[in-house]
Amino acid sequence: MWKIFVILGAINAALAVGLGAFGAHGLEGRVTDRLMEVYQTGVQYHVMHALGLLAIGLVAAYAGESALLAWAGWVMFAGIVIFSGSLYTMTFTGMSWLGAITPIGGMAFIISWILLVVHVIKA
C-alpha cells in the first residue's frame, strides 16, 4: 500500500506543477482575475496534498501499514480530485455552481489528516 501512495503523491505533485505552469503561462489574459485566483487555489491545495500523499506513503513504509493509513490516503486522494478538480473545472467552464462541491473536498482533506494523526498516535 505504501508504494501506491508514494506513486500517487509523486504523480499528483508533477501534475500540480504542470497545471501551475499552465495557469501562469497559458491562462493569463484568458480568464478573469477572480477565476485565476480560483485556479491558483486549486493548484496550491493540489501541491500540499500531493505532499500529504507522499507523507502517508512514507509513514506506512516506516511505521507499518494500517487500515487507518489506507483510508487517509484514499480520502486525501479523493479530496484532491474533488477540491482541486472542482476549482480547475470551474476555471475552464465558468460553472460557478461547482463551488458548492469544493467544500466536500476540503472536508476530505481534514478527515485524511485526522486519520493520519490517529494512526501515528496508535503506532
Protein backbone atom coordinates (compact mmCIF):
# COMPACT_ATOMS: atom_id res chain seq x y z
CA MET A 1 0.00 0.00 0.00
CA TRP A 2 2.77 2.46 0.84
CA LYS A 3 4.09 2.34 -2.73
CA ILE A 4 0.67 3.27 -4.10
CA PHE A 5 0.54 6.46 -2.03
CA VAL A 6 4.13 7.43 -2.80
CA ILE A 7 3.42 6.93 -6.51
CA LEU A 8 0.08 8.80 -6.32
CA GLY A 9 1.78 11.59 -4.39
CA ALA A 10 4.59 11.92 -6.90
CA ILE A 11 2.23 11.82 -9.89
CA ASN A 12 -0.02 14.43 -8.29
CA ALA A 13 2.95 16.64 -7.43
CA ALA A 14 4.13 16.51 -11.05
CA LEU A 15 0.59 17.16 -12.27
CA ALA A 16 0.18 20.12 -9.91
CA VAL A 17 3.46 21.67 -11.06
CA GLY A 18 2.41 21.25 -14.68
CA LEU A 19 -1.02 22.70 -14.02
CA GLY A 20 0.55 25.59 -12.11
CA ALA A 21 2.87 26.38 -15.01
CA PHE A 22 -0.03 26.10 -17.46
CA GLY A 23 -2.05 28.51 -15.32
CA ALA A 24 0.79 31.02 -15.09
CA HIS A 25 1.55 30.98 -18.80
CA GLY A 26 -1.47 29.59 -20.61
CA LEU A 27 -4.36 31.16 -18.75
CA GLU A 28 -3.01 34.67 -18.32
CA GLY A 29 -5.35 37.06 -20.08
CA ARG A 30 -7.78 34.25 -20.98
CA VAL A 31 -9.72 34.09 -17.71
CA THR A 32 -10.83 36.74 -15.26
CA ASP A 33 -8.65 37.67 -12.31
CA ARG A 34 -11.17 36.02 -10.00
CA LEU A 35 -11.04 32.73 -11.90
CA MET A 36 -7.25 32.93 -11.94
CA GLU A 37 -7.34 33.15 -8.13
CA VAL A 38 -9.69 30.14 -8.03
CA TYR A 39 -7.29 28.19 -10.26
CA GLN A 40 -4.27 29.15 -8.14
CA THR A 41 -6.08 27.97 -5.01
CA GLY A 42 -6.69 24.63 -6.70
CA VAL A 43 -3.01 24.31 -7.59
CA GLN A 44 -1.88 25.32 -4.09
CA TYR A 45 -4.03 22.71 -2.37
CA HIS A 46 -3.14 20.15 -5.02
CA VAL A 47 0.58 20.56 -4.26
CA MET A 48 0.09 20.47 -0.48
CA HIS A 49 -1.96 17.31 -0.59
CA ALA A 50 0.29 15.60 -3.14
CA LEU A 51 2.96 16.03 -0.45
CA GLY A 52 0.43 14.69 2.05
CA LEU A 53 0.05 11.53 -0.03
CA LEU A 54 3.82 11.16 -0.06
CA ALA A 55 3.85 11.58 3.73
CA ILE A 56 1.18 8.91 4.17
CA GLY A 57 3.13 6.52 1.96
CA LEU A 58 6.36 7.18 3.85
CA VAL A 59 4.70 6.79 7.25
CA ALA A 60 3.27 3.47 6.07
CA ALA A 61 6.71 2.35 4.86
CA TYR A 62 8.35 3.36 8.14
CA ALA A 63 5.75 2.63 10.81
CA GLY A 64 3.75 -0.08 9.10
CA GLU A 65 0.62 -0.17 7.06
CA SER A 66 -2.84 0.04 8.56
CA ALA A 67 -6.45 0.46 7.56
CA LEU A 68 -6.33 4.00 9.00
CA LEU A 69 -3.47 4.92 6.69
CA ALA A 70 -5.19 3.35 3.71
CA TRP A 71 -8.30 5.38 4.46
CA ALA A 72 -6.21 8.51 5.00
CA GLY A 73 -4.55 8.07 1.62
CA TRP A 74 -7.68 7.34 -0.38
CA VAL A 75 -9.66 10.11 1.31
CA MET A 76 -6.82 12.57 0.64
CA PHE A 77 -6.69 11.48 -2.99
CA ALA A 78 -10.47 11.94 -3.24
CA GLY A 79 -10.03 15.39 -1.70
CA ILE A 80 -7.57 16.35 -4.43
CA VAL A 81 -9.97 15.18 -7.14
CA ILE A 82 -12.99 16.90 -5.58
CA PHE A 83 -11.39 20.10 -4.23
CA SER A 84 -8.81 20.94 -6.85
CA GLY A 85 -10.75 19.24 -9.64
CA SER A 86 -13.84 21.35 -8.98
CA LEU A 87 -11.75 24.54 -8.95
CA TYR A 88 -9.97 23.63 -12.19
CA THR A 89 -13.27 22.75 -13.84
CA MET A 90 -14.86 25.98 -12.60
CA THR A 91 -11.99 27.97 -14.10
CA PHE A 92 -12.27 26.31 -17.51
CA THR A 93 -16.06 26.24 -17.74
CA GLY A 94 -17.17 29.22 -15.65
CA MET A 95 -19.74 26.98 -13.91
CA SER A 96 -19.75 28.72 -10.55
CA TRP A 97 -22.14 26.17 -9.01
CA LEU A 98 -19.13 23.84 -8.75
CA GLY A 99 -18.05 26.00 -5.81
CA ALA A 100 -20.71 24.13 -3.81
CA ILE A 101 -18.81 20.86 -4.31
CA THR A 102 -15.40 22.22 -3.31
CA PRO A 103 -16.01 22.10 0.48
CA ILE A 104 -16.61 18.34 0.23
CA GLY A 105 -13.02 18.04 -0.93
CA GLY A 106 -11.91 20.32 1.89
CA MET A 107 -13.62 18.07 4.43
CA ALA A 108 -11.91 15.07 2.85
CA PHE A 109 -8.56 16.80 3.41
CA ILE A 110 -9.35 17.45 7.07
CA ILE A 111 -10.55 13.89 7.63
CA SER A 112 -7.46 12.41 5.98
CA TRP A 113 -5.10 14.47 8.14
CA ILE A 114 -7.00 13.42 11.27
CA LEU A 115 -6.78 9.77 10.21
CA LEU A 116 -3.02 10.17 9.80
CA VAL A 117 -2.75 11.66 13.31
CA VAL A 118 -4.81 8.81 14.80
CA HIS A 119 -2.59 6.24 13.09
CA VAL A 120 0.58 7.86 14.41
CA ILE A 121 -0.83 8.06 17.93
CA LYS A 122 -1.75 4.37 17.81
CA ALA A 123 1.59 3.27 16.29
